[in-house]
Amino acid sequence: PRFRGGGIVRFGNQFGGYDKGTVPWSHFRIAYLQHASDPIVFFEP
């Protein structure tokens, strides 16, 4: 995902993704590292 242009939260995987923001990344940053094939992340009841 991209959330609000990537100003605070950005997502990446084994192929990158942290440079996909449309706005500058703030000094306070949250980065998620997740594979699209990770069932721990993408399981849902």
All heavy atoms as atom14 arrays in JSON, in Angstrom:
{
  "sequence": "PRFRGGGIVRFGNQFGGYDKGTVPWSHFRIAYLQHASDPIVFFEP",
  "atom14_mask": [
    [1, 1, 1, 1, 1, 1, 1, 0, 0, 0, 0, 0, 0, 0],
    [1, 1, 1, 1, 1, 1, 1, 1, 1, 1, 1, 0, 0, 0],
    [1, 1, 1, 1, 1, 1, 1, 1, 1, 1, 1, 0, 0, 0],
    [1, 1, 1, 1, 1, 1, 1, 1, 1, 1, 1, 0, 0, 0],
    [1, 1, 1, 1, 0, 0, 0, 0, 0, 0, 0, 0, 0, 0],
    [1, 1, 1, 1, 0, 0, 0, 0, 0, 0, 0, 0, 0, 0],
    [1, 1, 1, 1, 0, 0, 0, 0, 0, 0, 0, 0, 0, 0],
    [1, 1, 1, 1, 1, 1, 1, 1, 0, 0, 0, 0, 0, 0],
    [1, 1, 1, 1, 1, 1, 1, 0, 0, 0, 0, 0, 0, 0],
    [1, 1, 1, 1, 1, 1, 1, 1, 1, 1, 1, 0, 0, 0],
    [1, 1, 1, 1, 1, 1, 1, 1, 1, 1, 1, 0, 0, 0],
    [1, 1, 1, 1, 0, 0, 0, 0, 0, 0, 0, 0, 0, 0],
    [1, 1, 1, 1, 1, 1, 1, 1, 0, 0, 0, 0, 0, 0],
    [1, 1, 1, 1, 1, 1, 1, 1, 1, 0, 0, 0, 0, 0],
    [1, 1, 1, 1, 1, 1, 1, 1, 1, 1, 1, 0, 0, 0],
    [1, 1, 1, 1, 0, 0, 0, 0, 0, 0, 0, 0, 0, 0],
    [1, 1, 1, 1, 0, 0, 0, 0, 0, 0, 0, 0, 0, 0],
    [1, 1, 1, 1, 1, 1, 1, 1, 1, 1, 1, 1, 0, 0],
    [1, 1, 1, 1, 1, 1, 1, 1, 0, 0, 0, 0, 0, 0],
    [1, 1, 1, 1, 1, 1, 1, 1, 1, 0, 0, 0, 0, 0],
    [1, 1, 1, 1, 0, 0, 0, 0, 0, 0, 0, 0, 0, 0],
    [1, 1, 1, 1, 1, 1, 1, 0, 0, 0, 0, 0, 0, 0],
    [1, 1, 1, 1, 1, 1, 1, 0, 0, 0, 0, 0, 0, 0],
    [1, 1, 1, 1, 1, 1, 1, 0, 0, 0, 0, 0, 0, 0],
    [1, 1, 1, 1, 1, 1, 1, 1, 1, 1, 1, 1, 1, 1],
    [1, 1, 1, 1, 1, 1, 0, 0, 0, 0, 0, 0, 0, 0],
    [1, 1, 1, 1, 1, 1, 1, 1, 1, 1, 0, 0, 0, 0],
    [1, 1, 1, 1, 1, 1, 1, 1, 1, 1, 1, 0, 0, 0],
    [1, 1, 1, 1, 1, 1, 1, 1, 1, 1, 1, 0, 0, 0],
    [1, 1, 1, 1, 1, 1, 1, 1, 0, 0, 0, 0, 0, 0],
    [1, 1, 1, 1, 1, 0, 0, 0, 0, 0, 0, 0, 0, 0],
    [1, 1, 1, 1, 1, 1, 1, 1, 1, 1, 1, 1, 0, 0],
    [1, 1, 1, 1, 1, 1, 1, 1, 0, 0, 0, 0, 0, 0],
    [1, 1, 1, 1, 1, 1, 1, 1, 1, 0, 0, 0, 0, 0],
    [1, 1, 1, 1, 1, 1, 1, 1, 1, 1, 0, 0, 0, 0],
    [1, 1, 1, 1, 1, 0, 0, 0, 0, 0, 0, 0, 0, 0],
    [1, 1, 1, 1, 1, 1, 0, 0, 0, 0, 0, 0, 0, 0],
    [1, 1, 1, 1, 1, 1, 1, 1, 0, 0, 0, 0, 0, 0],
    [1, 1, 1, 1, 1, 1, 1, 0, 0, 0, 0, 0, 0, 0],
    [1, 1, 1, 1, 1, 1, 1, 1, 0, 0, 0, 0, 0, 0],
    [1, 1, 1, 1, 1, 1, 1, 0, 0, 0, 0, 0, 0, 0],
    [1, 1, 1, 1, 1, 1, 1, 1, 1, 1, 1, 0, 0, 0],
    [1, 1, 1, 1, 1, 1, 1, 1, 1, 1, 1, 0, 0, 0],
    [1, 1, 1, 1, 1, 1, 1, 1, 1, 0, 0, 0, 0, 0],
    [1, 1, 1, 1, 1, 1, 1, 0, 0, 0, 0, 0, 0, 0]
  ],
  "atom14_positions": [
    [[0.82, -1.22, 0.0], [0.0, 0.0, 0.0], [0.85, 1.27, 0.0], [2.01, 1.27, 0.41], [-0.8, -0.11, 1.3], [-0.55, -1.48, 1.84], [0.74, -1.93, 1.28], [0.0, 0.0, 0.0], [0.0, 0.0, 0.0], [0.0, 0.0, 0.0], [0.0, 0.0, 0.0], [0.0, 0.0, 0.0], [0.0, 0.0, 0.0], [0.0, 0.0, 0.0]],
    [[0.25, 2.34, -0.43], [0.8, 3.67, -0.21], [-0.24, 4.44, 0.6], [-1.42, 4.47, 0.24], [1.07, 4.38, -1.53], [1.75, 5.76, -1.34], [2.09, 6.43, -2.65], [0.9, 6.75, -3.42], [0.55, 6.17, -4.56], [1.31, 5.21, -5.08], [-0.55, 6.51, -5.2], [0.0, 0.0, 0.0], [0.0, 0.0, 0.0], [0.0, 0.0, 0.0]],
    [[0.2, 5.03, 1.71], [-0.72, 5.68, 2.64], [-0.4, 7.17, 2.72], [0.69, 7.57, 3.13], [-0.6, 5.03, 4.02], [-1.48, 5.64, 5.07], [-2.86, 5.47, 5.03], [-0.94, 6.4, 6.1], [-3.67, 6.03, 6.0], [-1.73, 6.96, 7.08], [-3.12, 6.78, 7.03], [0.0, 0.0, 0.0], [0.0, 0.0, 0.0], [0.0, 0.0, 0.0]],
    [[-1.36, 7.97, 2.27], [-1.24, 9.43, 2.3], [0.08, 9.89, 1.69], [0.78, 10.76, 2.22], [-1.39, 9.95, 3.72], [-2.78, 9.66, 4.29], [-2.97, 10.23, 5.68], [-4.31, 9.91, 6.19], [-4.75, 10.26, 7.39], [-3.96, 10.95, 8.22], [-5.96, 9.93, 7.78], [0.0, 0.0, 0.0], [0.0, 0.0, 0.0], [0.0, 0.0, 0.0]],
    [[0.4, 9.3, 0.57], [1.59, 9.68, -0.17], [2.89, 9.16, 0.4], [3.96, 9.4, -0.16], [0.0, 0.0, 0.0], [0.0, 0.0, 0.0], [0.0, 0.0, 0.0], [0.0, 0.0, 0.0], [0.0, 0.0, 0.0], [0.0, 0.0, 0.0], [0.0, 0.0, 0.0], [0.0, 0.0, 0.0], [0.0, 0.0, 0.0], [0.0, 0.0, 0.0]],
    [[2.84, 8.43, 1.52], [4.06, 7.92, 2.14], [4.76, 8.94, 3.01], [5.97, 8.85, 3.23], [0.0, 0.0, 0.0], [0.0, 0.0, 0.0], [0.0, 0.0, 0.0], [0.0, 0.0, 0.0], [0.0, 0.0, 0.0], [0.0, 0.0, 0.0], [0.0, 0.0, 0.0], [0.0, 0.0, 0.0], [0.0, 0.0, 0.0], [0.0, 0.0, 0.0]],
    [[4.01, 9.9, 3.54], [4.61, 10.94, 4.36], [5.16, 10.43, 5.68], [6.17, 10.93, 6.18], [0.0, 0.0, 0.0], [0.0, 0.0, 0.0], [0.0, 0.0, 0.0], [0.0, 0.0, 0.0], [0.0, 0.0, 0.0], [0.0, 0.0, 0.0], [0.0, 0.0, 0.0], [0.0, 0.0, 0.0], [0.0, 0.0, 0.0], [0.0, 0.0, 0.0]],
    [[4.5, 9.43, 6.28], [4.95, 8.85, 7.55], [5.16, 7.35, 7.41], [6.2, 6.83, 7.81], [3.94, 9.15, 8.67], [3.87, 10.65, 8.96], [4.31, 8.39, 9.95], [2.88, 11.04, 10.03], [0.0, 0.0, 0.0], [0.0, 0.0, 0.0], [0.0, 0.0, 0.0], [0.0, 0.0, 0.0], [0.0, 0.0, 0.0], [0.0, 0.0, 0.0]],
    [[4.18, 6.65, 6.85], [4.23, 5.2, 6.76], [4.56, 4.79, 5.33], [3.94, 5.28, 4.37], [2.88, 4.58, 7.18], [2.94, 3.07, 7.09], [2.51, 5.02, 8.59], [0.0, 0.0, 0.0], [0.0, 0.0, 0.0], [0.0, 0.0, 0.0], [0.0, 0.0, 0.0], [0.0, 0.0, 0.0], [0.0, 0.0, 0.0], [0.0, 0.0, 0.0]],
    [[5.54, 3.87, 5.2], [5.87, 3.32, 3.89], [6.02, 1.81, 3.99], [6.41, 1.28, 5.03], [7.13, 3.95, 3.31], [6.95, 5.43, 2.97], [8.06, 5.96, 2.11], [7.87, 7.39, 1.84], [8.64, 8.12, 1.05], [9.69, 7.55, 0.44], [8.39, 9.41, 0.86], [0.0, 0.0, 0.0], [0.0, 0.0, 0.0], [0.0, 0.0, 0.0]],
    [[5.74, 1.15, 2.88], [5.8, -0.3, 2.8], [6.87, -0.72, 1.8], [7.08, -0.05, 0.78], [4.46, -0.88, 2.36], [3.37, -0.76, 3.39], [2.7, 0.44, 3.58], [3.01, -1.84, 4.16], [1.69, 0.56, 4.51], [2.0, -1.74, 5.11], [1.34, -0.54, 5.29], [0.0, 0.0, 0.0], [0.0, 0.0, 0.0], [0.0, 0.0, 0.0]],
    [[7.51, -1.84, 2.09], [8.48, -2.41, 1.17], [8.47, -3.92, 1.26], [7.92, -4.51, 2.2], [0.0, 0.0, 0.0], [0.0, 0.0, 0.0], [0.0, 0.0, 0.0], [0.0, 0.0, 0.0], [0.0, 0.0, 0.0], [0.0, 0.0, 0.0], [0.0, 0.0, 0.0], [0.0, 0.0, 0.0], [0.0, 0.0, 0.0], [0.0, 0.0, 0.0]],
    [[9.08, -4.55, 0.27], [9.21, -6.0, 0.27], [10.58, -6.36, -0.29], [11.48, -5.52, -0.35], [8.08, -6.66, -0.53], [7.98, -6.12, -1.95], [8.96, -5.66, -2.53], [6.78, -6.16, -2.52], [0.0, 0.0, 0.0], [0.0, 0.0, 0.0], [0.0, 0.0, 0.0], [0.0, 0.0, 0.0], [0.0, 0.0, 0.0], [0.0, 0.0, 0.0]],
    [[10.76, -7.62, -0.71], [12.06, -8.06, -1.19], [12.45, -7.39, -2.51], [13.6, -7.51, -2.95], [12.09, -9.59, -1.34], [11.17, -10.17, -2.41], [9.8, -10.51, -1.87], [9.15, -9.67, -1.25], [9.35, -11.74, -2.13], [0.0, 0.0, 0.0], [0.0, 0.0, 0.0], [0.0, 0.0, 0.0], [0.0, 0.0, 0.0], [0.0, 0.0, 0.0]],
    [[11.51, -6.68, -3.12], [11.79, -5.99, -4.38], [11.87, -4.47, -4.2], [11.92, -3.73, -5.17], [10.71, -6.33, -5.41], [10.56, -7.81, -5.63], [9.5, -8.51, -5.06], [11.47, -8.51, -6.4], [9.36, -9.87, -5.25], [11.35, -9.87, -6.59], [10.29, -10.56, -6.02], [0.0, 0.0, 0.0], [0.0, 0.0, 0.0], [0.0, 0.0, 0.0]],
    [[11.87, -3.99, -2.96], [11.97, -2.56, -2.69], [10.61, -1.97, -2.36], [9.73, -2.65, -1.83], [0.0, 0.0, 0.0], [0.0, 0.0, 0.0], [0.0, 0.0, 0.0], [0.0, 0.0, 0.0], [0.0, 0.0, 0.0], [0.0, 0.0, 0.0], [0.0, 0.0, 0.0], [0.0, 0.0, 0.0], [0.0, 0.0, 0.0], [0.0, 0.0, 0.0]],
    [[10.43, -0.68, -2.65], [9.16, -0.03, -2.42], [9.22, 1.2, -1.55], [8.28, 2.0, -1.52], [0.0, 0.0, 0.0], [0.0, 0.0, 0.0], [0.0, 0.0, 0.0], [0.0, 0.0, 0.0], [0.0, 0.0, 0.0], [0.0, 0.0, 0.0], [0.0, 0.0, 0.0], [0.0, 0.0, 0.0], [0.0, 0.0, 0.0], [0.0, 0.0, 0.0]],
    [[10.33, 1.37, -0.81], [10.39, 2.49, 0.13], [10.59, 3.83, -0.57], [10.45, 4.89, 0.06], [11.51, 2.26, 1.14], [11.31, 1.01, 1.95], [12.08, -0.13, 1.71], [10.33, 0.94, 2.93], [11.89, -1.29, 2.44], [10.11, -0.22, 3.65], [10.91, -1.33, 3.4], [10.7, -2.49, 4.11], [0.0, 0.0, 0.0], [0.0, 0.0, 0.0]],
    [[10.91, 3.82, -1.85], [11.09, 5.06, -2.6], [9.84, 5.44, -3.39], [9.9, 6.32, -4.25], [12.28, 4.92, -3.55], [12.11, 3.76, -4.52], [11.21, 2.92, -4.31], [12.89, 3.7, -5.5], [0.0, 0.0, 0.0], [0.0, 0.0, 0.0], [0.0, 0.0, 0.0], [0.0, 0.0, 0.0], [0.0, 0.0, 0.0], [0.0, 0.0, 0.0]],
    [[8.72, 4.8, -3.1], [7.51, 5.01, -3.89], [6.63, 6.15, -3.37], [5.54, 6.37, -3.88], [6.67, 3.71, -3.93], [7.41, 2.5, -4.49], [7.84, 2.71, -5.93], [8.5, 1.46, -6.48], [8.99, 1.67, -7.87], [0.0, 0.0, 0.0], [0.0, 0.0, 0.0], [0.0, 0.0, 0.0], [0.0, 0.0, 0.0], [0.0, 0.0, 0.0]],
    [[7.09, 6.86, -2.37], [6.27, 7.93, -1.83], [6.12, 9.1, -2.8], [7.03, 9.39, -3.6], [0.0, 0.0, 0.0], [0.0, 0.0, 0.0], [0.0, 0.0, 0.0], [0.0, 0.0, 0.0], [0.0, 0.0, 0.0], [0.0, 0.0, 0.0], [0.0, 0.0, 0.0], [0.0, 0.0, 0.0], [0.0, 0.0, 0.0], [0.0, 0.0, 0.0]],
    [[4.99, 9.77, -2.73], [4.74, 10.94, -3.57], [4.99, 12.24, -2.82], [4.92, 13.32, -3.4], [3.3, 10.93, -4.09], [2.39, 10.91, -2.98], [3.06, 9.7, -4.97], [0.0, 0.0, 0.0], [0.0, 0.0, 0.0], [0.0, 0.0, 0.0], [0.0, 0.0, 0.0], [0.0, 0.0, 0.0], [0.0, 0.0, 0.0], [0.0, 0.0, 0.0]],
    [[5.26, 12.13, -1.51], [5.61, 13.29, -0.69], [6.86, 12.91, 0.1], [7.16, 11.73, 0.29], [4.46, 13.71, 0.26], [3.24, 14.11, -0.52], [4.14, 12.57, 1.23], [0.0, 0.0, 0.0], [0.0, 0.0, 0.0], [0.0, 0.0, 0.0], [0.0, 0.0, 0.0], [0.0, 0.0, 0.0], [0.0, 0.0, 0.0], [0.0, 0.0, 0.0]],
    [[7.64, 13.9, 0.59], [8.84, 13.58, 1.36], [8.51, 12.77, 2.62], [7.47, 12.97, 3.25], [9.41, 14.96, 1.71], [8.84, 15.88, 0.68], [7.49, 15.36, 0.36], [0.0, 0.0, 0.0], [0.0, 0.0, 0.0], [0.0, 0.0, 0.0], [0.0, 0.0, 0.0], [0.0, 0.0, 0.0], [0.0, 0.0, 0.0], [0.0, 0.0, 0.0]],
    [[9.42, 11.87, 2.96], [9.27, 11.06, 4.17], [9.68, 11.91, 5.37], [10.76, 12.5, 5.39], [10.14, 9.81, 4.07], [9.62, 8.64, 4.85], [8.56, 8.62, 5.69], [10.16, 7.32, 4.84], [8.37, 7.37, 6.22], [9.34, 6.54, 5.72], [11.22, 6.7, 4.21], [9.59, 5.19, 5.96], [11.47, 5.35, 4.44], [10.65, 4.6, 5.3]],
    [[8.82, 11.98, 6.37], [9.05, 12.86, 7.52], [10.2, 12.34, 8.39], [10.73, 11.24, 8.17], [7.77, 12.95, 8.35], [7.5, 11.68, 8.95], [0.0, 0.0, 0.0], [0.0, 0.0, 0.0], [0.0, 0.0, 0.0], [0.0, 0.0, 0.0], [0.0, 0.0, 0.0], [0.0, 0.0, 0.0], [0.0, 0.0, 0.0], [0.0, 0.0, 0.0]],
    [[10.56, 13.13, 9.39], [11.61, 12.71, 10.32], [11.15, 11.53, 11.17], [11.96, 10.67, 11.53], [12.02, 13.89, 11.21], [12.69, 15.0, 10.47], [13.91, 14.86, 9.85], [12.3, 16.29, 10.22], [14.26, 16.0, 9.27], [13.29, 16.88, 9.47], [0.0, 0.0, 0.0], [0.0, 0.0, 0.0], [0.0, 0.0, 0.0], [0.0, 0.0, 0.0]],
    [[9.88, 11.51, 11.51], [9.31, 10.35, 12.21], [8.79, 9.38, 11.15], [7.91, 9.72, 10.37], [8.18, 10.78, 13.14], [7.46, 9.62, 13.78], [8.07, 8.87, 14.78], [6.18, 9.26, 13.37], [7.42, 7.8, 15.37], [5.52, 8.18, 13.96], [6.14, 7.46, 14.96], [0.0, 0.0, 0.0], [0.0, 0.0, 0.0], [0.0, 0.0, 0.0]],
    [[9.34, 8.17, 11.13], [9.05, 7.25, 10.05], [8.64, 5.87, 10.57], [9.2, 5.39, 11.56], [10.29, 7.07, 9.16], [10.81, 8.36, 8.56], [12.07, 8.11, 7.75], [12.46, 9.3, 7.0], [13.42, 9.33, 6.09], [14.1, 8.23, 5.83], [13.69, 10.46, 5.45], [0.0, 0.0, 0.0], [0.0, 0.0, 0.0], [0.0, 0.0, 0.0]],
    [[7.68, 5.28, 9.88], [7.31, 3.89, 10.13], [7.48, 3.13, 8.83], [6.94, 3.52, 7.79], [5.86, 3.77, 10.63], [5.72, 4.44, 12.01], [5.43, 2.31, 10.7], [4.29, 4.44, 12.54], [0.0, 0.0, 0.0], [0.0, 0.0, 0.0], [0.0, 0.0, 0.0], [0.0, 0.0, 0.0], [0.0, 0.0, 0.0], [0.0, 0.0, 0.0]],
    [[8.25, 2.06, 8.88], [8.48, 1.23, 7.7], [7.95, -0.18, 7.98], [8.22, -0.76, 9.03], [9.96, 1.17, 7.35], [0.0, 0.0, 0.0], [0.0, 0.0, 0.0], [0.0, 0.0, 0.0], [0.0, 0.0, 0.0], [0.0, 0.0, 0.0], [0.0, 0.0, 0.0], [0.0, 0.0, 0.0], [0.0, 0.0, 0.0], [0.0, 0.0, 0.0]],
    [[7.2, -0.7, 7.03], [6.74, -2.09, 7.09], [7.51, -2.9, 6.04], [7.64, -2.48, 4.89], [5.24, -2.19, 6.8], [4.36, -1.79, 7.95], [3.73, -0.54, 7.97], [4.13, -2.66, 9.01], [2.91, -0.18, 9.03], [3.31, -2.3, 10.07], [2.71, -1.06, 10.07], [1.9, -0.7, 11.12], [0.0, 0.0, 0.0], [0.0, 0.0, 0.0]],
    [[8.01, -4.04, 6.47], [8.63, -4.99, 5.55], [7.74, -6.22, 5.5], [7.54, -6.89, 6.51], [10.03, -5.36, 6.04], [10.76, -6.48, 5.29], [10.9, -6.16, 3.81], [12.13, -6.75, 5.92], [0.0, 0.0, 0.0], [0.0, 0.0, 0.0], [0.0, 0.0, 0.0], [0.0, 0.0, 0.0], [0.0, 0.0, 0.0], [0.0, 0.0, 0.0]],
    [[7.17, -6.49, 4.34], [6.24, -7.61, 4.21], [6.31, -8.2, 2.81], [6.39, -7.48, 1.83], [4.81, -7.16, 4.52], [4.3, -6.04, 3.6], [2.95, -5.5, 4.02], [2.69, -5.28, 5.2], [2.07, -5.3, 3.04], [0.0, 0.0, 0.0], [0.0, 0.0, 0.0], [0.0, 0.0, 0.0], [0.0, 0.0, 0.0], [0.0, 0.0, 0.0]],
    [[6.27, -9.51, 2.75], [6.21, -10.2, 1.47], [4.74, -10.4, 1.08], [3.91, -10.69, 1.95], [6.89, -11.57, 1.55], [8.35, -11.49, 1.85], [9.02, -12.48, 2.55], [9.29, -10.54, 1.55], [10.3, -12.15, 2.66], [10.48, -10.97, 2.06], [0.0, 0.0, 0.0], [0.0, 0.0, 0.0], [0.0, 0.0, 0.0], [0.0, 0.0, 0.0]],
    [[4.46, -10.28, -0.2], [3.08, -10.51, -0.65], [2.65, -11.95, -0.4], [1.45, -12.24, -0.36], [2.97, -10.17, -2.14], [0.0, 0.0, 0.0], [0.0, 0.0, 0.0], [0.0, 0.0, 0.0], [0.0, 0.0, 0.0], [0.0, 0.0, 0.0], [0.0, 0.0, 0.0], [0.0, 0.0, 0.0], [0.0, 0.0, 0.0], [0.0, 0.0, 0.0]],
    [[3.62, -12.85, -0.22], [3.32, -14.27, 0.0], [3.34, -14.65, 1.47], [3.35, -15.84, 1.8], [4.35, -15.12, -0.76], [5.69, -14.77, -0.39], [0.0, 0.0, 0.0], [0.0, 0.0, 0.0], [0.0, 0.0, 0.0], [0.0, 0.0, 0.0], [0.0, 0.0, 0.0], [0.0, 0.0, 0.0], [0.0, 0.0, 0.0], [0.0, 0.0, 0.0]],
    [[3.34, -13.69, 2.38], [3.41, -13.97, 3.81], [2.0, -14.23, 4.37], [1.21, -13.3, 4.51], [4.06, -12.8, 4.55], [4.35, -13.12, 6.0], [3.78, -14.08, 6.54], [5.17, -12.39, 6.61], [0.0, 0.0, 0.0], [0.0, 0.0, 0.0], [0.0, 0.0, 0.0], [0.0, 0.0, 0.0], [0.0, 0.0, 0.0], [0.0, 0.0, 0.0]],
    [[1.68, -15.47, 4.74], [0.33, -15.76, 5.25], [0.1, -15.2, 6.64], [-1.06, -14.97, 7.02], [0.28, -17.29, 5.25], [1.71, -17.71, 5.39], [2.51, -16.68, 4.66], [0.0, 0.0, 0.0], [0.0, 0.0, 0.0], [0.0, 0.0, 0.0], [0.0, 0.0, 0.0], [0.0, 0.0, 0.0], [0.0, 0.0, 0.0], [0.0, 0.0, 0.0]],
    [[1.15, -14.97, 7.43], [0.99, -14.37, 8.75], [0.41, -12.96, 8.59], [-0.4, -12.5, 9.4], [2.32, -14.32, 9.5], [2.91, -15.71, 9.68], [2.16, -13.61, 10.84], [2.11, -16.61, 10.58], [0.0, 0.0, 0.0], [0.0, 0.0, 0.0], [0.0, 0.0, 0.0], [0.0, 0.0, 0.0], [0.0, 0.0, 0.0], [0.0, 0.0, 0.0]],
    [[0.82, -12.28, 7.53], [0.35, -10.93, 7.27], [-1.03, -10.93, 6.63], [-1.93, -10.17, 7.02], [1.35, -10.17, 6.36], [0.83, -8.76, 6.05], [2.72, -10.1, 7.01], [0.0, 0.0, 0.0], [0.0, 0.0, 0.0], [0.0, 0.0, 0.0], [0.0, 0.0, 0.0], [0.0, 0.0, 0.0], [0.0, 0.0, 0.0], [0.0, 0.0, 0.0]],
    [[-1.23, -11.81, 5.65], [-2.4, -11.68, 4.78], [-3.5, -12.71, 5.05], [-4.48, -12.75, 4.31], [-1.97, -11.73, 3.32], [-1.17, -10.53, 2.92], [0.19, -10.63, 2.68], [-1.76, -9.29, 2.84], [0.94, -9.51, 2.35], [-1.02, -8.16, 2.51], [0.33, -8.27, 2.25], [0.0, 0.0, 0.0], [0.0, 0.0, 0.0], [0.0, 0.0, 0.0]],
    [[-3.36, -13.51, 6.1], [-4.51, -14.3, 6.52], [-5.59, -13.37, 7.06], [-5.3, -12.35, 7.69], [-4.11, -15.28, 7.62], [-5.29, -16.0, 8.23], [-5.83, -17.11, 7.62], [-5.87, -15.54, 9.4], [-6.93, -17.76, 8.17], [-6.97, -16.18, 9.97], [-7.49, -17.3, 9.34], [0.0, 0.0, 0.0], [0.0, 0.0, 0.0], [0.0, 0.0, 0.0]],
    [[-6.82, -13.7, 6.78], [-7.93, -12.96, 7.39], [-9.12, -13.89, 7.54], [-9.47, -14.64, 6.62], [-8.31, -11.74, 6.56], [-8.67, -11.99, 5.12], [-9.0, -10.7, 4.39], [-8.08, -9.99, 3.99], [-10.2, -10.42, 4.23], [0.0, 0.0, 0.0], [0.0, 0.0, 0.0], [0.0, 0.0, 0.0], [0.0, 0.0, 0.0], [0.0, 0.0, 0.0]],
    [[-9.76, -13.9, 8.72], [-10.91, -14.78, 8.93], [-12.03, -14.52, 7.93], [-12.79, -15.45, 7.6], [-11.36, -14.43, 10.36], [-10.15, -13.85, 11.01], [-9.41, -13.14, 9.93], [0.0, 0.0, 0.0], [0.0, 0.0, 0.0], [0.0, 0.0, 0.0], [0.0, 0.0, 0.0], [0.0, 0.0, 0.0], [0.0, 0.0, 0.0], [0.0, 0.0, 0.0]]
  ]
}
